[in-house]
N, C-alpha and C. Protein backbone atom coordinates (compact mmCIF):
# COMPACT_ATOMS: atom_id res chain seq x y z
N UNK A 1 -6.35 2.21 -24.28
CA UNK A 1 -4.91 3.08 -23.79
C UNK A 1 -4.94 2.83 -22.34
N UNK A 2 -5.67 2.85 -21.22
CA UNK A 2 -5.68 2.68 -20.24
C UNK A 2 -4.63 0.98 -19.91
N UNK A 3 -5.11 -0.06 -20.78
CA UNK A 3 -4.68 -1.19 -20.11
C UNK A 3 -3.23 -1.01 -20.74
N UNK A 4 -2.55 -0.13 -21.78
CA UNK A 4 -1.19 -0.51 -21.88
C UNK A 4 -0.54 0.84 -20.67
N UNK A 5 -1.16 1.82 -20.31
CA UNK A 5 -0.82 2.06 -19.01
C UNK A 5 -0.62 1.65 -17.88
N UNK A 6 -1.28 0.95 -17.83
CA UNK A 6 -1.70 -0.60 -16.56
C UNK A 6 -0.41 -1.25 -16.49
N UNK A 7 -0.08 -2.04 -18.12
CA UNK A 7 0.82 -2.88 -18.01
C UNK A 7 2.31 -2.11 -18.07
N UNK A 8 2.31 -0.56 -18.32
CA UNK A 8 3.51 -0.31 -18.65
C UNK A 8 4.29 -0.27 -17.03
N UNK A 9 2.74 0.73 -15.93
CA UNK A 9 3.16 0.49 -14.72
C UNK A 9 3.40 -0.65 -14.04
N UNK A 10 2.53 -1.52 -14.51
CA UNK A 10 3.01 -3.03 -13.58
C UNK A 10 4.13 -3.67 -14.12
N UNK A 11 4.79 -3.08 -15.22
CA UNK A 11 6.12 -3.19 -15.55
C UNK A 11 7.55 -2.62 -14.80
N UNK A 12 7.02 -1.19 -14.44
CA UNK A 12 7.67 -0.60 -13.97
C UNK A 12 7.71 -0.94 -12.21
N UNK A 13 6.45 -1.53 -11.73
CA UNK A 13 6.75 -1.98 -10.27
C UNK A 13 7.46 -3.49 -10.40
N UNK A 14 7.36 -4.28 -11.35
CA UNK A 14 7.89 -5.57 -11.38
C UNK A 14 9.75 -5.03 -11.53
N UNK A 15 9.99 -4.11 -12.44
CA UNK A 15 11.44 -3.42 -12.38
C UNK A 15 11.99 -3.50 -10.87
N UNK A 16 11.02 -2.36 -10.43
CA UNK A 16 11.35 -1.78 -9.28
C UNK A 16 12.09 -3.17 -7.94
N UNK A 17 10.93 -3.89 -7.95
CA UNK A 17 10.85 -4.90 -7.21
C UNK A 17 11.95 -5.85 -7.40
N UNK A 18 12.32 -5.93 -8.68
CA UNK A 18 13.63 -6.89 -8.80
C UNK A 18 14.80 -6.48 -8.17
N UNK A 19 15.16 -4.96 -8.42
CA UNK A 19 16.19 -4.59 -7.49
C UNK A 19 15.89 -4.58 -6.27
N UNK A 20 14.75 -4.61 -5.61
CA UNK A 20 14.88 -4.45 -4.33
C UNK A 20 15.05 -5.65 -3.76
N UNK A 21 14.81 -6.66 -4.26
CA UNK A 21 14.72 -7.92 -4.09
C UNK A 21 16.23 -8.21 -3.94
N UNK A 22 17.00 -8.06 -4.88
CA UNK A 22 18.70 -8.31 -5.17
C UNK A 22 19.16 -7.34 -4.06
N UNK A 23 18.70 -6.19 -3.47
CA UNK A 23 18.94 -5.67 -2.44
C UNK A 23 18.52 -6.50 -0.97
N UNK A 24 17.68 -7.06 -0.76
CA UNK A 24 17.32 -7.65 0.26
C UNK A 24 17.92 -9.53 0.19
N UNK A 25 18.78 -9.62 -0.89
CA UNK A 25 19.51 -11.14 -0.42
C UNK A 25 20.24 -11.18 1.29
N UNK A 26 19.72 -11.91 1.62
CA UNK A 26 20.98 -12.48 3.11
C UNK A 26 19.63 -11.66 4.19
N UNK A 27 18.68 -11.18 4.03
CA UNK A 27 17.95 -10.79 4.79
C UNK A 27 17.04 -11.53 5.51
N UNK A 28 15.98 -11.23 6.67
CA UNK A 28 15.23 -12.28 7.33
C UNK A 28 14.25 -12.69 6.31
N UNK A 29 13.27 -13.69 6.69
CA UNK A 29 12.34 -13.69 5.87
C UNK A 29 11.08 -12.72 6.04
N UNK A 30 11.02 -12.01 7.66
CA UNK A 30 10.07 -11.04 7.65
C UNK A 30 10.06 -9.83 6.90
N UNK A 31 11.07 -9.47 6.85
CA UNK A 31 11.64 -8.33 6.01
C UNK A 31 11.37 -8.71 4.35
N UNK A 32 11.13 -10.03 3.81
CA UNK A 32 11.41 -10.06 2.69
C UNK A 32 9.62 -10.36 2.34
N UNK A 33 8.95 -10.97 3.24
CA UNK A 33 7.58 -10.85 3.21
C UNK A 33 6.78 -9.43 3.05
N UNK A 34 7.57 -8.62 4.26
CA UNK A 34 6.94 -7.60 4.45
C UNK A 34 7.15 -6.19 3.24
N UNK A 35 8.18 -6.67 2.44
CA UNK A 35 8.52 -6.25 1.48
C UNK A 35 7.44 -6.26 0.05
N UNK A 36 7.19 -7.25 -0.26
CA UNK A 36 6.46 -8.31 -1.19
C UNK A 36 5.07 -7.49 -0.44
N UNK A 37 4.37 -7.59 0.62
CA UNK A 37 3.05 -7.32 0.79
C UNK A 37 3.03 -5.66 0.52
N UNK A 38 3.77 -4.57 0.76
CA UNK A 38 3.76 -3.65 0.22
C UNK A 38 4.24 -3.37 -1.37
N UNK A 39 5.11 -3.92 -1.78
CA UNK A 39 4.59 -4.18 -3.42
C UNK A 39 3.51 -4.37 -3.84
N UNK A 40 3.03 -5.42 -3.42
CA UNK A 40 1.40 -5.65 -4.07
C UNK A 40 0.45 -4.67 -3.82
N UNK A 41 0.72 -4.38 -2.12
CA UNK A 41 -0.11 -3.23 -2.06
C UNK A 41 -0.18 -1.90 -3.41
N UNK A 42 1.23 -1.40 -2.88
CA UNK A 42 1.27 -0.34 -4.29
C UNK A 42 0.74 -0.66 -5.71
N UNK A 43 1.23 -2.16 -5.89
CA UNK A 43 0.85 -2.36 -7.06
C UNK A 43 -0.90 -2.36 -7.32
N UNK A 44 -1.37 -2.60 -6.48
CA UNK A 44 -3.13 -3.00 -6.57
C UNK A 44 -3.57 -1.35 -6.86
N UNK A 45 -3.24 -0.51 -5.70
CA UNK A 45 -4.12 1.02 -5.35
C UNK A 45 -3.23 1.51 -6.66
N UNK A 46 -2.10 1.61 -6.89
CA UNK A 46 -1.45 2.39 -8.47
C UNK A 46 -2.63 1.91 -9.42
N UNK A 47 -2.79 0.13 -9.51
CA UNK A 47 -3.30 -0.15 -10.99
C UNK A 47 -5.26 0.45 -10.58
N UNK A 48 -5.63 0.29 -9.51
CA UNK A 48 -6.88 1.14 -9.30
C UNK A 48 -6.87 2.48 -9.61
N UNK A 49 -6.23 2.96 -9.15
CA UNK A 49 -6.15 4.53 -9.20
C UNK A 49 -5.76 5.25 -10.95
N UNK A 50 -5.34 4.21 -11.57
CA UNK A 50 -4.72 4.28 -13.32
C UNK A 50 -6.41 3.94 -14.13
N UNK A 51 -7.00 3.30 -13.49
CA UNK A 51 -8.25 2.87 -14.01
C UNK A 51 -9.49 3.46 -13.45
N UNK A 52 -9.00 4.77 -12.77
CA UNK A 52 -10.27 5.49 -12.05
C UNK A 52 -11.10 5.05 -11.58
N UNK A 53 -10.79 3.85 -10.60
CA UNK A 53 -11.76 3.54 -9.70
C UNK A 53 -11.67 4.07 -8.26
N UNK A 54 -12.76 4.55 -8.08
CA UNK A 54 -13.31 5.54 -6.76
C UNK A 54 -12.55 4.19 -5.67
N UNK A 55 -11.16 4.77 -4.74
CA UNK A 55 -11.13 4.18 -3.76
C UNK A 55 -11.53 5.08 -2.45
N UNK A 56 -12.11 4.41 -1.61
CA UNK A 56 -12.72 5.09 0.08
C UNK A 56 -11.80 5.12 0.61
N UNK A 57 -11.68 6.14 1.25
CA UNK A 57 -10.82 6.98 2.25
C UNK A 57 -10.74 5.90 3.40
N UNK A 58 -9.42 5.78 4.25
CA UNK A 58 -9.32 4.79 5.22
C UNK A 58 -9.77 5.65 6.62
N UNK A 59 -10.04 6.96 6.21
CA UNK A 59 -9.99 7.93 7.49
C UNK A 59 -11.13 7.94 8.38
N UNK A 60 -12.42 7.15 8.00
CA UNK A 60 -13.52 6.98 8.64
C UNK A 60 -13.35 5.79 9.65
N UNK A 61 -12.94 4.87 8.82
CA UNK A 61 -12.53 3.26 9.87
C UNK A 61 -11.70 3.86 11.09
N UNK A 62 -10.67 4.56 10.66
CA UNK A 62 -9.60 4.76 11.67
C UNK A 62 -10.30 5.74 12.57
N UNK A 63 -11.10 6.60 11.98
CA UNK A 63 -11.65 7.49 13.29
C UNK A 63 -12.55 6.46 14.30
N UNK A 64 -13.68 5.96 13.66
CA UNK A 64 -14.53 4.93 14.20
C UNK A 64 -13.80 4.61 15.58
N UNK A 65 -12.47 3.87 15.42
CA UNK A 65 -11.36 2.65 16.10
C UNK A 65 -10.55 4.15 17.25
N UNK A 66 -9.99 5.21 16.59
CA UNK A 66 -9.40 5.98 17.62
C UNK A 66 -9.94 7.05 18.15
N UNK A 67 -11.13 7.74 18.16
CA UNK A 67 -12.17 8.73 18.42
C UNK A 67 -12.20 8.22 19.69
N UNK A 68 -12.61 6.99 20.15
CA UNK A 68 -13.13 6.62 21.62
C UNK A 68 -12.02 6.40 22.28
N UNK A 69 -10.89 6.23 21.53
CA UNK A 69 -9.74 5.96 22.69
C UNK A 69 -9.18 7.68 23.00
N UNK A 70 -8.71 8.30 22.06
CA UNK A 70 -8.91 10.00 22.55
C UNK A 70 -9.72 10.50 23.72
N UNK A 71 -11.20 10.22 23.76
CA UNK A 71 -11.83 10.81 24.17
C UNK A 71 -12.19 10.26 25.63
N UNK A 72 -11.22 8.91 25.87
CA UNK A 72 -10.94 8.24 27.17
C UNK A 72 -9.86 8.78 27.44
N UNK A 73 -8.70 8.95 26.88
CA UNK A 73 -7.35 9.58 27.20
C UNK A 73 -7.57 11.00 27.48
N UNK A 74 -7.89 11.72 26.82
CA UNK A 74 -8.17 13.58 26.77
C UNK A 74 -10.09 13.44 26.82
N UNK A 75 -10.52 13.58 28.11
CA UNK A 75 -11.96 13.99 28.30
C UNK A 75 -12.21 15.37 28.36
N UNK A 76 -13.29 15.72 27.59
CA UNK A 76 -13.54 16.90 27.66
C UNK A 76 -14.30 17.82 28.75
N UNK A 77 -13.64 19.11 29.01
CA UNK A 77 -13.78 19.62 30.05
C UNK A 77 -15.13 20.17 30.50
């Protein structure tokens, strides 16, 4: 059942991508590349969520990067 759900999801993503690429006709290559990258990312994450794979939160690495910067800009009194 999960395989059918994933297949239907990927068909839906392919359908949406087809219509978006038709709208991007005549745009720059960077816009097309960014659109392809975002659609592939959405397809992979959506497929993993449908398959009940535990996806780690990106909050921990982002906090490790931005917390020192925040403390540097706004030091504790």
